[in-house]
Amino acid sequence: MKNLIQLLIVINLFITNIVLASGGISGGGIANIPQGQDREKYHLGKAIFNQEVSLEKQTNANVNTADQEERLEYLQGSLPNTEKRRVNLPDFSGKLTEEQLQALEYFIQVRFNIKLPEKRKDK
């Protein structure tokens, strides 16, 4: 009986050490989601990227579709290969407002840690 109790204690300690020594299960990096106003911009960009927002062709004269297409193609080329297969950003050309396009650019910068070139202001 005494040997049985000692054996159960040893088995219990052994199993406990295995469980505690196994380490955690890491899930990879988590994007550092911004706070404040940038948080809204990030989530708008995320919704557009994940196609959770219905986009209609913009009839507004302020929308420059050639500029949008160029910016979206650049973003598409900056994405990791897995994301390039999942989403086709140039399809959004002419469907985004300037605010939506900036939010999409911001989301991609934060989520995929991509540096976009600074925008020049030609006057």
C-alpha atoms as a PDB file:
ATOM      1  CA  MET A   1       0.000   0.000   0.000  1.00  0.00           C
ATOM      2  CA  LYS A   2       2.823   2.354   0.917  1.00  0.00           C
ATOM      3  CA  ASN A   3       4.574   1.569  -2.377  1.00  0.00           C
ATOM      4  CA  LEU A   4       1.383   2.266  -4.310  1.00  0.00           C
ATOM      5  CA  ILE A   5       1.009   5.702  -2.679  1.00  0.00           C
ATOM      6  CA  GLN A   6       4.659   6.529  -3.421  1.00  0.00           C
ATOM      7  CA  LEU A   7       4.208   5.416  -7.018  1.00  0.00           C
ATOM      8  CA  LEU A   8       1.091   7.600  -7.444  1.00  0.00           C
ATOM      9  CA  ILE A   9       2.927  10.595  -5.943  1.00  0.00           C
ATOM     10  CA  VAL A  10       5.872  10.114  -8.311  1.00  0.00           C
ATOM     11  CA  ILE A  11       3.558   9.756 -11.330  1.00  0.00           C
ATOM     12  CA  ASN A  12       1.620  12.854 -10.249  1.00  0.00           C
ATOM     13  CA  LEU A  13       4.831  14.910  -9.882  1.00  0.00           C
ATOM     14  CA  PHE A  14       6.112  13.638 -13.219  1.00  0.00           C
ATOM     15  CA  ILE A  15       2.926  14.569 -15.068  1.00  0.00           C
ATOM     16  CA  THR A  16       2.763  17.968 -13.321  1.00  0.00           C
ATOM     17  CA  ASN A  17       6.351  18.771 -14.371  1.00  0.00           C
ATOM     18  CA  ILE A  18       5.669  17.782 -17.962  1.00  0.00           C
ATOM     19  CA  VAL A  19       2.613  20.014 -18.160  1.00  0.00           C
ATOM     20  CA  LEU A  20       4.301  23.010 -16.536  1.00  0.00           C
ATOM     21  CA  ALA A  21       7.557  22.630 -18.461  1.00  0.00           C
ATOM     22  CA  SER A  22       5.935  22.335 -21.870  1.00  0.00           C
ATOM     23  CA  GLY A  23       5.826  26.097 -22.344  1.00  0.00           C
ATOM     24  CA  GLY A  24       3.106  28.166 -23.866  1.00  0.00           C
ATOM     25  CA  ILE A  25       1.614  27.886 -27.275  1.00  0.00           C
ATOM     26  CA  SER A  26       2.579  30.997 -29.158  1.00  0.00           C
ATOM     27  CA  GLY A  27       0.176  32.367 -31.707  1.00  0.00           C
ATOM     28  CA  GLY A  28       2.611  34.555 -33.571  1.00  0.00           C
ATOM     29  CA  GLY A  29       2.774  38.320 -33.608  1.00  0.00           C
ATOM     30  CA  ILE A  30      -0.247  40.443 -32.925  1.00  0.00           C
ATOM     31  CA  ALA A  31      -0.628  43.748 -34.694  1.00  0.00           C
ATOM     32  CA  ASN A  32      -0.236  46.685 -32.376  1.00  0.00           C
ATOM     33  CA  ILE A  33      -3.720  48.159 -32.791  1.00  0.00           C
ATOM     34  CA  PRO A  34      -3.590  51.941 -32.378  1.00  0.00           C
ATOM     35  CA  GLN A  35      -5.647  53.914 -29.884  1.00  0.00           C
ATOM     36  CA  GLY A  36      -7.827  57.013 -30.280  1.00  0.00           C
ATOM     37  CA  GLN A  37      -8.646  58.424 -33.697  1.00  0.00           C
ATOM     38  CA  ASP A  38      -6.204  56.083 -35.383  1.00  0.00           C
ATOM     39  CA  ARG A  39      -8.202  53.158 -34.018  1.00  0.00           C
ATOM     40  CA  GLU A  40     -11.256  54.170 -36.080  1.00  0.00           C
ATOM     41  CA  LYS A  41      -9.084  54.610 -39.155  1.00  0.00           C
ATOM     42  CA  TYR A  42      -7.505  51.182 -38.569  1.00  0.00           C
ATOM     43  CA  HIS A  43     -10.859  49.423 -38.218  1.00  0.00           C
ATOM     44  CA  LEU A  44     -12.298  51.153 -41.302  1.00  0.00           C
ATOM     45  CA  GLY A  45      -9.258  50.015 -43.292  1.00  0.00           C
ATOM     46  CA  LYS A  46      -9.614  46.506 -41.887  1.00  0.00           C
ATOM     47  CA  ALA A  47     -13.289  46.362 -42.885  1.00  0.00           C
ATOM     48  CA  ILE A  48     -12.441  47.485 -46.433  1.00  0.00           C
ATOM     49  CA  PHE A  49      -9.536  45.020 -46.698  1.00  0.00           C
ATOM     50  CA  ASN A  50     -11.708  42.134 -45.490  1.00  0.00           C
ATOM     51  CA  GLN A  51     -14.489  43.242 -47.868  1.00  0.00           C
ATOM     52  CA  GLU A  52     -16.948  43.745 -45.019  1.00  0.00           C
ATOM     53  CA  VAL A  53     -18.024  47.099 -46.481  1.00  0.00           C
ATOM     54  CA  SER A  54     -20.076  47.280 -49.659  1.00  0.00           C
ATOM     55  CA  LEU A  55     -18.331  49.550 -52.131  1.00  0.00           C
ATOM     56  CA  GLU A  56     -20.201  51.305 -54.899  1.00  0.00           C
ATOM     57  CA  LYS A  57     -18.674  53.027 -57.902  1.00  0.00           C
ATOM     58  CA  GLN A  58     -18.024  56.636 -56.869  1.00  0.00           C
ATOM     59  CA  THR A  59     -19.689  59.220 -59.092  1.00  0.00           C
ATOM     60  CA  ASN A  60     -17.978  62.056 -57.241  1.00  0.00           C
ATOM     61  CA  ALA A  61     -15.783  64.190 -59.514  1.00  0.00           C
ATOM     62  CA  ASN A  62     -13.146  64.400 -56.757  1.00  0.00           C
ATOM     63  CA  VAL A  63     -12.274  60.701 -57.115  1.00  0.00           C
ATOM     64  CA  ASN A  64      -9.184  60.232 -59.277  1.00  0.00           C
ATOM     65  CA  THR A  65      -9.484  56.609 -60.422  1.00  0.00           C
ATOM     66  CA  ALA A  66      -6.048  56.553 -62.102  1.00  0.00           C
ATOM     67  CA  ASP A  67      -4.401  57.736 -58.874  1.00  0.00           C
ATOM     68  CA  GLN A  68      -6.420  55.243 -56.840  1.00  0.00           C
ATOM     69  CA  GLU A  69      -5.500  52.404 -59.170  1.00  0.00           C
ATOM     70  CA  GLU A  70      -1.802  53.268 -58.942  1.00  0.00           C
ATOM     71  CA  ARG A  71      -1.905  53.449 -55.135  1.00  0.00           C
ATOM     72  CA  LEU A  72      -3.889  50.201 -54.865  1.00  0.00           C
ATOM     73  CA  GLU A  73      -1.501  48.370 -57.209  1.00  0.00           C
ATOM     74  CA  TYR A  74       1.420  49.528 -55.056  1.00  0.00           C
ATOM     75  CA  LEU A  75      -0.370  48.277 -51.931  1.00  0.00           C
ATOM     76  CA  GLN A  76      -1.145  44.960 -53.629  1.00  0.00           C
ATOM     77  CA  GLY A  77       2.532  44.507 -54.472  1.00  0.00           C
ATOM     78  CA  SER A  78       3.497  45.261 -50.863  1.00  0.00           C
ATOM     79  CA  LEU A  79       1.305  42.513 -49.398  1.00  0.00           C
ATOM     80  CA  PRO A  80       2.640  39.109 -48.336  1.00  0.00           C
ATOM     81  CA  ASN A  81       2.044  36.365 -50.925  1.00  0.00           C
ATOM     82  CA  THR A  82      -0.716  34.712 -48.916  1.00  0.00           C
ATOM     83  CA  GLU A  83      -2.668  37.966 -48.801  1.00  0.00           C
ATOM     84  CA  LYS A  84      -2.039  38.706 -52.486  1.00  0.00           C
ATOM     85  CA  ARG A  85      -3.930  35.522 -53.344  1.00  0.00           C
ATOM     86  CA  ARG A  86      -6.765  36.348 -50.940  1.00  0.00           C
ATOM     87  CA  VAL A  87      -7.581  39.938 -51.927  1.00  0.00           C
ATOM     88  CA  ASN A  88      -7.221  41.972 -55.133  1.00  0.00           C
ATOM     89  CA  LEU A  89      -6.931  45.618 -54.101  1.00  0.00           C
ATOM     90  CA  PRO A  90      -6.955  47.133 -57.642  1.00  0.00           C
ATOM     91  CA  ASP A  91     -10.568  45.928 -57.901  1.00  0.00           C
ATOM     92  CA  PHE A  92     -11.446  48.669 -55.380  1.00  0.00           C
ATOM     93  CA  SER A  93     -10.255  51.381 -57.795  1.00  0.00           C
ATOM     94  CA  GLY A  94     -12.880  54.073 -58.280  1.00  0.00           C
ATOM     95  CA  LYS A  95     -14.989  52.682 -55.444  1.00  0.00           C
ATOM     96  CA  LEU A  96     -13.179  54.289 -52.511  1.00  0.00           C
ATOM     97  CA  THR A  97     -13.412  57.775 -51.116  1.00  0.00           C
ATOM     98  CA  GLU A  98     -10.128  59.456 -50.193  1.00  0.00           C
ATOM     99  CA  GLU A  99     -10.859  58.785 -46.510  1.00  0.00           C
ATOM    100  CA  GLN A 100     -11.435  55.078 -47.196  1.00  0.00           C
ATOM    101  CA  LEU A 101      -8.271  54.813 -49.286  1.00  0.00           C
ATOM    102  CA  GLN A 102      -6.195  56.468 -46.547  1.00  0.00           C
ATOM    103  CA  ALA A 103      -7.729  54.118 -43.966  1.00  0.00           C
ATOM    104  CA  LEU A 104      -6.891  51.103 -46.144  1.00  0.00           C
ATOM    105  CA  GLU A 105      -3.300  52.312 -46.555  1.00  0.00           C
ATOM    106  CA  TYR A 106      -3.041  52.886 -42.808  1.00  0.00           C
ATOM    107  CA  PHE A 107      -4.403  49.409 -41.990  1.00  0.00           C
ATOM    108  CA  ILE A 108      -1.943  47.728 -44.361  1.00  0.00           C
ATOM    109  CA  GLN A 109       0.964  49.726 -42.914  1.00  0.00           C
ATOM    110  CA  VAL A 110       0.117  48.691 -39.355  1.00  0.00           C
ATOM    111  CA  ARG A 111      -1.066  45.126 -39.982  1.00  0.00           C
ATOM    112  CA  PHE A 112       1.733  44.027 -42.313  1.00  0.00           C
ATOM    113  CA  ASN A 113       4.461  46.382 -41.021  1.00  0.00           C
ATOM    114  CA  ILE A 114       4.942  48.006 -44.421  1.00  0.00           C
ATOM    115  CA  LYS A 115       6.460  51.433 -44.926  1.00  0.00           C
ATOM    116  CA  LEU A 116       4.761  53.375 -47.696  1.00  0.00           C
ATOM    117  CA  PRO A 117       6.542  56.250 -49.426  1.00  0.00           C
ATOM    118  CA  GLU A 118       5.641  59.716 -48.201  1.00  0.00           C
ATOM    119  CA  LYS A 119       3.106  61.533 -50.362  1.00  0.00           C
ATOM    120  CA  ARG A 120       4.438  64.574 -52.167  1.00  0.00           C
ATOM    121  CA  LYS A 121       2.260  67.616 -52.392  1.00  0.00           C
ATOM    122  CA  ASP A 122       2.720  69.096 -55.857  1.00  0.00           C
ATOM    123  CA  LYS A 123       1.485  72.642 -56.102  1.00  0.00           C
END
